[in-house]
Protein backbone atom coordinates (compact mmCIF):
# COMPACT_ATOMS: atom_id res chain seq x y z
CA MET A 1 -7.10 3.47 24.27
CA LYS A 2 -7.60 7.04 23.05
CA LYS A 3 -7.76 7.56 19.31
CA LYS A 4 -5.24 10.04 17.93
CA ILE A 5 -6.53 12.62 15.48
CA PHE A 6 -4.24 14.73 13.30
CA ILE A 7 -5.68 18.19 12.60
CA SER A 8 -4.86 19.28 9.06
CA GLY A 9 -5.75 22.60 7.49
CA PRO A 10 -4.36 25.60 5.64
CA ILE A 11 -1.79 27.76 7.36
CA GLN A 12 -0.10 29.83 4.65
CA GLY A 13 -2.23 32.89 4.02
CA MET A 14 -4.33 32.14 7.12
CA GLU A 15 -1.69 32.65 9.83
CA THR A 16 -3.97 34.86 11.91
CA ASN A 17 -7.10 32.83 11.21
CA GLN A 18 -6.48 29.44 12.83
CA PHE A 19 -9.67 29.46 14.96
CA TYR A 20 -10.87 26.28 13.26
CA ARG A 21 -8.17 24.24 15.00
CA ASP A 22 -9.60 25.06 18.43
CA MET A 23 -13.10 24.17 17.25
CA ILE A 24 -11.94 20.81 15.87
CA ARG A 25 -9.82 20.11 18.97
CA GLU A 26 -12.78 20.76 21.29
CA ILE A 27 -14.97 18.34 19.36
CA CYS A 28 -12.23 15.69 19.42
CA LEU A 29 -11.73 16.11 23.16
CA ARG A 30 -15.47 15.60 23.75
CA HIS A 31 -15.01 12.20 22.10
CA ASN A 32 -12.04 11.37 24.34
CA CYS A 33 -9.57 11.65 21.45
CA GLU A 34 -6.04 12.99 21.59
CA THR A 35 -5.14 15.58 18.96
CA LEU A 36 -1.92 16.05 17.03
CA ASP A 37 -1.83 19.61 15.73
CA PRO A 38 1.22 20.87 13.82
CA TRP A 39 0.12 24.47 14.44
CA LYS A 40 0.82 24.05 18.17
CA ARG A 41 4.45 23.27 17.47
CA GLU A 42 5.06 25.44 14.41
CA LYS A 43 3.07 28.65 14.90
CA ILE A 44 6.19 30.43 16.10
CA ILE A 45 7.78 30.10 12.64
CA TYR A 46 4.74 31.41 10.80
CA ARG A 47 5.26 35.14 10.96
CA GLY A 48 2.89 36.32 8.27
CA ASN A 49 3.76 39.99 8.80
CA GLU A 50 7.33 39.58 7.52
CA ARG A 51 7.95 39.87 3.75
CA GLU A 52 8.71 36.53 2.12
CA TRP A 53 8.69 34.82 5.51
CA TRP A 54 7.85 31.50 3.89
CA SER A 55 11.30 31.30 2.26
CA LYS A 56 12.90 31.37 5.73
CA VAL A 57 10.99 28.36 7.06
CA PRO A 58 12.93 25.05 7.29
CA ALA A 59 10.37 23.26 5.11
CA ALA A 60 11.91 19.78 5.02
CA ASP A 61 12.09 19.61 8.83
CA PHE A 62 8.51 20.57 9.58
CA ILE A 63 7.09 18.47 6.74
CA LYS A 64 9.00 15.45 8.10
CA ARG A 65 7.51 16.06 11.56
CA ASP A 66 4.01 16.43 10.11
CA LEU A 67 4.34 13.15 8.19
CA GLU A 68 5.62 11.38 11.32
CA ASP A 69 2.61 12.68 13.25
CA ILE A 70 0.27 11.44 10.52
CA GLU A 71 1.86 8.00 10.82
CA LYS A 72 1.10 8.06 14.58
CA CYS A 73 -2.55 9.06 14.15
CA ASP A 74 -5.65 6.89 13.75
CA ILE A 75 -7.72 9.55 11.98
CA LEU A 76 -6.86 12.65 9.96
CA VAL A 77 -9.35 15.51 9.98
CA ALA A 78 -8.68 17.88 7.09
CA TYR A 79 -10.31 21.31 7.08
CA LEU A 80 -10.52 22.84 3.60
CA PRO A 81 -12.23 26.25 3.59
CA LYS A 82 -10.10 26.91 0.50
CA LEU A 83 -7.67 24.89 -1.57
CA SER A 84 -4.44 24.18 0.31
CA ALA A 85 -1.54 22.23 -1.19
CA GLY A 86 -0.26 21.16 2.23
CA THR A 87 -3.65 19.99 3.47
CA CYS A 88 -4.26 18.02 0.27
CA MET A 89 -0.83 16.38 0.56
CA GLU A 90 -1.51 15.44 4.20
CA LEU A 91 -4.90 14.01 3.20
CA PHE A 92 -3.27 11.96 0.43
CA TYR A 93 -0.46 10.74 2.71
CA ALA A 94 -2.87 9.70 5.46
CA LYS A 95 -4.99 7.72 3.00
CA LEU A 96 -1.85 6.14 1.52
CA LYS A 97 -0.91 5.01 5.05
CA GLY A 98 -4.35 3.46 5.61
CA LYS A 99 -5.64 6.09 8.03
CA LYS A 100 -9.29 7.03 8.38
CA THR A 101 -9.76 10.42 6.70
CA ILE A 102 -12.47 12.98 7.37
CA CYS A 103 -12.56 16.11 5.24
CA ILE A 104 -14.50 19.21 6.22
CA CYS A 105 -14.73 20.82 2.80
CA GLU A 106 -16.24 24.24 2.17
CA ILE A 107 -14.99 24.29 -1.43
CA GLU A 108 -17.74 24.34 -4.04
CA ASN A 109 -17.27 21.36 -6.39
CA PRO A 110 -14.03 20.02 -4.83
CA SER A 111 -11.43 18.14 -6.83
CA PRO A 112 -11.99 14.40 -7.30
CA TRP A 113 -8.61 13.97 -5.56
CA ILE A 114 -10.12 15.38 -2.37
CA ILE A 115 -13.25 13.23 -2.62
CA VAL A 116 -11.42 9.98 -3.42
CA HIS A 117 -8.97 10.39 -0.52
CA SER A 118 -11.68 11.23 2.03
CA ASP A 119 -13.58 8.45 3.78
CA VAL A 120 -16.11 11.05 4.91
CA VAL A 121 -16.78 14.52 3.48
CA LEU A 122 -18.54 17.05 5.70
CA LYS A 123 -19.68 20.58 4.87
CA ARG A 124 -19.32 22.17 8.33
CA ILE A 125 -17.02 21.81 11.34
CA GLU A 126 -20.09 21.31 13.53
CA ASP A 127 -20.90 18.10 11.62
CA LEU A 128 -17.68 16.54 12.93
CA ASP A 129 -19.34 15.83 16.30
CA GLU A 130 -21.84 13.36 14.85
CA CYS A 131 -19.22 11.92 12.51
CA LEU A 132 -16.89 11.09 15.40
CA THR A 133 -19.80 9.52 17.30
CA GLU A 134 -20.25 7.16 14.35
CA ASN A 135 -16.55 6.55 13.68
CA VAL A 136 -14.83 6.58 17.08
CA GLU A 137 -17.21 5.44 19.78
């Protein structure tokens, strides 16, 4: 049975810079994993060019869907090129639910909260390939 991997990463402030999701998805697919990516479903509501767009987003609805997807996944891969409240909350929730957590963290000296809630901490997206070989296959 295919493992399900939830792709977590910052959106707010990076609406036009979501390239990392495709990179992570491609690596997951090479390992015969299915991906759950909230960006696929929600990118239409993230219109970063509109003033105060964030206040118009139905936050409770999309957070509920994200948490439901995390409950369905086997592994959460969190990408943290910068600190992101949402990504940290998803990482915490996944760990709380007993999921395997992999954090790709580019933050210098990350918070102990990130380290403690990550089963594996990687420095680069490219390192995910070997990590999935060890943890999925």
